[in-house]
Amino acid sequence: MPAISPEPIGEVRLLTDVSEGRLTVQQLSWCDVETLTSALADTVKATDIGFDHIVAVSRGGFVPARLLASALRVSRLGSIGVRYSDAQRKTPEIVASASGLRPSDKVLLVEDAIESGRSLMHAAEAIQPQVELLKTAAYFRQPTSIPDLDFVVEERVQLPRFPWE
């Protein structure tokens, strides 16, 4: 079993898996996810936007969206799926569209971590015309990702591994 050493990162305490004397991918615990969710929810709450609907980008956004829905007391929760038909991930296909959206809705679109940002961008393009306001959120984003997120806990070059992976 690899040794786990704590590493503070900003306000969020994460765990680093140190195995055989070399640094590997950070494995987050469920406690880390609770801390991240609380930090993200606090950032969202500070805007005073009353979201009506939270939409998860499948599959990575399912758990964060559900946790944020509880933290923000948003009862309407949905998901949207994006699939690509090409290796460059430039030709998207929306395979599961968020249902129950209303023109007056304020929607929070959620992912766990943003690598390229293409899935989030294509999901946002599909939802935006249907609602009054669309904002995006994730625990982490890489500096090279495409979209600017409205809410993010931290920008990181190396993304951690989540408990659901």
Protein backbone atom coordinates (compact mmCIF):
# COMPACT_ATOMS: atom_id res chain seq x y z
CA MET A 1 0.00 0.00 0.00
CA PRO A 2 1.46 3.38 -1.01
CA ALA A 3 2.20 5.97 1.65
CA ILE A 4 -0.11 8.98 1.68
CA SER A 5 1.36 12.35 2.59
CA PRO A 6 -0.71 15.50 3.10
CA GLU A 7 -0.08 18.47 0.84
CA PRO A 8 -1.86 21.76 1.48
CA ILE A 9 -3.05 23.51 -1.67
CA GLY A 10 -4.61 26.91 -1.07
CA GLU A 11 -7.57 26.51 1.24
CA VAL A 12 -8.12 22.91 0.18
CA ARG A 13 -6.13 20.08 1.75
CA LEU A 14 -5.48 17.31 -0.76
CA LEU A 15 -3.63 14.03 -0.51
CA THR A 16 -0.61 13.07 -2.58
CA ASP A 17 0.08 9.42 -3.25
CA VAL A 18 3.82 8.85 -2.83
CA SER A 19 4.76 5.39 -4.09
CA GLU A 20 8.24 3.89 -4.28
CA GLY A 21 9.88 7.29 -3.79
CA ARG A 22 8.21 8.96 -6.77
CA LEU A 23 5.32 11.36 -7.02
CA THR A 24 2.25 9.98 -8.76
CA VAL A 25 -1.24 11.26 -9.48
CA GLN A 26 -3.04 12.73 -6.51
CA GLN A 27 -5.89 10.54 -5.29
CA LEU A 28 -8.63 12.54 -3.64
CA SER A 29 -10.65 11.12 -0.78
CA TRP A 30 -14.37 11.66 -0.21
CA CYS A 31 -13.42 14.11 2.55
CA ASP A 32 -11.39 16.09 -0.01
CA VAL A 33 -14.43 16.13 -2.30
CA GLU A 34 -16.59 17.46 0.54
CA THR A 35 -14.05 20.25 1.10
CA LEU A 36 -13.93 21.06 -2.62
CA THR A 37 -17.73 21.08 -2.81
CA SER A 38 -17.97 23.42 0.15
CA ALA A 39 -15.40 25.80 -1.39
CA LEU A 40 -17.16 25.77 -4.76
CA ALA A 41 -20.59 26.24 -3.18
CA ASP A 42 -19.31 29.20 -1.13
CA THR A 43 -18.00 30.84 -4.30
CA VAL A 44 -21.34 30.34 -6.05
CA LYS A 45 -23.34 31.59 -3.05
CA ALA A 46 -21.25 34.78 -2.92
CA THR A 47 -22.75 35.86 -6.27
CA ASP A 48 -26.33 35.79 -4.97
CA ILE A 49 -27.48 34.05 -8.17
CA GLY A 50 -30.42 31.84 -7.31
CA PHE A 51 -29.93 28.86 -9.61
CA ASP A 52 -33.08 26.98 -10.63
CA HIS A 53 -31.39 23.99 -12.22
CA ILE A 54 -28.04 22.23 -12.03
CA VAL A 55 -26.91 20.23 -15.06
CA ALA A 56 -24.09 17.69 -14.92
CA VAL A 57 -21.87 17.09 -17.92
CA SER A 58 -21.76 13.30 -18.03
CA ARG A 59 -19.96 11.43 -16.63
CA GLY A 60 -17.49 13.42 -14.55
CA GLY A 61 -20.03 16.02 -13.50
CA PHE A 62 -22.56 13.62 -11.97
CA VAL A 63 -21.17 13.52 -8.42
CA PRO A 64 -20.16 17.21 -8.16
CA ALA A 65 -23.56 18.29 -9.56
CA ARG A 66 -25.43 16.17 -7.04
CA LEU A 67 -23.32 17.44 -4.14
CA LEU A 68 -23.66 21.06 -5.28
CA ALA A 69 -27.42 20.65 -5.66
CA SER A 70 -27.60 19.78 -1.97
CA ALA A 71 -25.16 22.49 -0.90
CA LEU A 72 -27.00 25.16 -2.91
CA ARG A 73 -30.49 23.77 -2.18
CA VAL A 74 -31.35 23.38 -5.85
CA SER A 75 -33.97 20.68 -6.36
CA ARG A 76 -33.87 20.43 -10.16
CA LEU A 77 -30.96 18.32 -11.34
CA GLY A 78 -30.28 17.06 -14.87
CA SER A 79 -27.49 15.94 -17.14
CA ILE A 80 -26.19 16.34 -20.65
CA GLY A 81 -23.92 13.98 -22.56
CA VAL A 82 -21.42 14.87 -25.26
CA ARG A 83 -19.82 12.28 -27.53
CA TYR A 84 -17.30 12.80 -30.32
CA SER A 85 -17.14 11.03 -33.67
CA ASP A 86 -13.54 12.04 -34.41
CA ALA A 87 -10.22 11.55 -32.63
CA GLN A 88 -9.58 15.31 -32.43
CA ARG A 89 -12.82 15.77 -30.43
CA LYS A 90 -14.03 18.56 -32.69
CA THR A 91 -17.26 17.04 -34.01
CA PRO A 92 -19.61 16.80 -31.02
CA GLU A 93 -22.86 14.93 -30.74
CA ILE A 94 -25.21 15.68 -27.87
CA VAL A 95 -26.32 12.20 -26.82
CA ALA A 96 -28.38 13.07 -23.76
CA SER A 97 -29.90 16.52 -23.61
CA ALA A 98 -30.84 18.18 -20.34
CA SER A 99 -34.61 17.97 -19.98
CA GLY A 100 -37.01 20.22 -18.13
CA LEU A 101 -35.20 23.45 -18.91
CA ARG A 102 -37.33 26.60 -18.97
CA PRO A 103 -36.63 29.94 -20.70
CA SER A 104 -36.55 31.69 -17.31
CA ASP A 105 -34.07 29.23 -15.75
CA LYS A 106 -30.74 30.15 -14.25
CA VAL A 107 -28.61 27.05 -14.86
CA LEU A 108 -25.32 25.92 -13.37
CA LEU A 109 -23.45 23.53 -15.70
CA VAL A 110 -21.06 21.32 -13.71
CA GLU A 111 -17.98 19.18 -14.42
CA ASP A 112 -15.47 17.67 -11.99
CA ALA A 113 -12.33 18.84 -13.81
CA ILE A 114 -11.68 20.60 -17.10
CA GLU A 115 -8.90 19.23 -19.30
CA SER A 116 -9.48 20.53 -22.83
CA GLY A 117 -12.86 22.08 -22.03
CA ARG A 118 -14.47 20.94 -25.27
CA SER A 119 -17.24 18.87 -23.68
CA LEU A 120 -18.21 21.71 -21.35
CA MET A 121 -18.11 24.20 -24.23
CA HIS A 122 -20.33 22.03 -26.47
CA ALA A 123 -22.75 21.31 -23.62
CA ALA A 124 -22.97 25.05 -22.88
CA GLU A 125 -23.66 25.81 -26.55
CA ALA A 126 -26.54 23.33 -26.49
CA ILE A 127 -28.09 24.71 -23.28
CA GLN A 128 -27.49 28.48 -23.60
CA PRO A 129 -30.27 29.23 -26.14
CA GLN A 130 -32.85 27.50 -23.92
CA VAL A 131 -32.31 29.44 -20.68
CA GLU A 132 -32.07 32.95 -19.26
CA LEU A 133 -28.65 32.49 -17.62
CA LEU A 134 -25.97 29.81 -17.86
CA LYS A 135 -22.91 29.64 -15.63
CA THR A 136 -20.22 26.95 -15.46
CA ALA A 137 -18.44 25.33 -12.53
CA ALA A 138 -15.77 22.73 -11.79
CA TYR A 139 -13.46 21.78 -8.96
CA PHE A 140 -10.35 22.06 -11.16
CA ARG A 141 -9.28 23.34 -14.56
CA GLN A 142 -6.03 23.04 -16.44
CA PRO A 143 -4.40 26.29 -17.62
CA THR A 144 -4.59 25.15 -21.24
CA SER A 145 -8.32 24.42 -21.22
CA ILE A 146 -10.59 26.29 -23.63
CA PRO A 147 -13.41 27.88 -21.62
CA ASP A 148 -13.13 30.35 -18.83
CA LEU A 149 -15.15 28.94 -15.97
CA ASP A 150 -17.46 31.13 -13.96
CA PHE A 151 -16.69 29.16 -10.79
CA VAL A 152 -13.60 27.05 -10.12
CA VAL A 153 -11.79 26.05 -6.95
CA GLU A 154 -8.32 25.74 -8.43
CA GLU A 155 -6.30 25.78 -11.63
CA ARG A 156 -3.80 22.91 -11.83
CA VAL A 157 -1.45 21.51 -14.45
CA GLN A 158 -1.82 17.94 -13.11
CA LEU A 159 -5.41 16.98 -12.35
CA PRO A 160 -6.06 14.64 -9.43
CA ARG A 161 -7.96 11.36 -9.50
CA PHE A 162 -11.43 11.47 -7.96
CA PRO A 163 -12.89 8.70 -5.76
CA TRP A 164 -15.45 7.83 -8.45
CA GLU A 165 -12.78 7.16 -11.08
